[in-house]
Amino acid sequence: MKDAEHIELLELLVEHPGKVMLSGYDNDLYNGMLQGWRKVQKRTQAEAGIMRTETLWMNYEIGQMKLFS
């Protein structure tokens, strides 16, 4: 994706009224546009055994979901 396409996506997600979870690799563009979102990082093994840090950005707090609420 081009930078303009990333920006367009992020603008749409920031305005989305529902819960959003976005997965990717840590970068300044996402960190800047998703300020205030919860950010979780985890080391994972990518293709060819290369270790990478995956990042999740969420616009909601993580909590246990209740089956009947």
Protein backbone atom coordinates (compact mmCIF):
# COMPACT_ATOMS: atom_id res chain seq x y z
CA MET A 1 0.00 0.00 0.00
CA LYS A 2 1.09 3.55 -0.66
CA ASP A 3 1.30 6.05 2.23
CA ALA A 4 -1.82 7.83 0.96
CA GLU A 5 -3.75 4.55 1.09
CA HIS A 6 -2.59 3.88 4.65
CA ILE A 7 -3.68 7.40 5.64
CA GLU A 8 -7.09 6.92 4.00
CA LEU A 9 -7.57 3.62 5.84
CA LEU A 10 -6.53 5.09 9.19
CA GLU A 11 -8.82 8.11 8.77
CA LEU A 12 -11.76 5.78 8.14
CA LEU A 13 -10.92 3.57 11.12
CA VAL A 14 -10.47 6.52 13.50
CA GLU A 15 -13.99 7.73 12.61
CA HIS A 16 -15.57 4.27 12.75
CA PRO A 17 -18.16 4.13 15.57
CA GLY A 18 -17.57 0.46 16.43
CA LYS A 19 -14.72 -1.52 17.89
CA VAL A 20 -11.64 -1.75 15.68
CA MET A 21 -8.57 -3.98 15.95
CA LEU A 22 -5.76 -3.43 13.45
CA SER A 23 -2.71 -5.67 13.09
CA GLY A 24 0.63 -4.73 11.60
CA TYR A 25 4.19 -3.77 12.39
CA ASP A 26 5.05 -0.80 14.59
CA ASN A 27 5.54 2.41 12.60
CA ASP A 28 5.39 6.18 13.11
CA LEU A 29 2.42 6.78 10.79
CA TYR A 30 0.13 4.35 12.63
CA ASN A 31 1.38 5.45 16.05
CA GLY A 32 0.72 9.08 15.19
CA MET A 33 -2.74 8.63 13.73
CA LEU A 34 -3.87 6.10 16.33
CA GLN A 35 -2.79 8.06 19.41
CA GLY A 36 -4.99 7.17 22.33
CA TRP A 37 -5.66 3.66 21.02
CA ARG A 38 -4.56 0.66 23.06
CA LYS A 39 -1.38 -0.86 21.66
CA VAL A 40 -0.19 -4.42 22.32
CA GLN A 41 3.01 -5.93 20.94
CA LYS A 42 4.12 -9.55 20.73
CA ARG A 43 7.27 -11.17 19.38
CA THR A 44 6.36 -13.76 16.76
CA GLN A 45 8.11 -15.96 14.27
CA ALA A 46 7.49 -14.85 10.70
CA GLU A 47 8.35 -16.58 7.43
CA ALA A 48 11.74 -18.32 7.23
CA GLY A 49 11.99 -18.30 11.03
CA ILE A 50 12.62 -14.55 11.24
CA MET A 51 11.52 -13.03 14.55
CA ARG A 52 9.30 -9.94 14.23
CA THR A 53 7.25 -7.86 16.62
CA GLU A 54 3.58 -7.82 15.68
CA THR A 55 1.52 -4.85 16.84
CA LEU A 56 -2.20 -4.65 17.54
CA TRP A 57 -3.92 -1.26 17.79
CA MET A 58 -7.40 -1.24 19.38
CA ASN A 59 -9.86 1.56 20.00
CA TYR A 60 -11.34 -0.26 23.02
CA GLU A 61 -10.20 -1.78 26.28
CA ILE A 62 -9.59 -5.49 26.41
CA GLY A 63 -11.86 -7.27 28.84
CA GLN A 64 -13.41 -10.63 29.28
CA MET A 65 -16.50 -10.91 27.14
CA LYS A 66 -19.56 -12.30 28.89
CA LEU A 67 -21.59 -14.95 27.19
CA PHE A 68 -24.84 -13.47 28.49
CA SER A 69 -24.68 -9.73 29.01
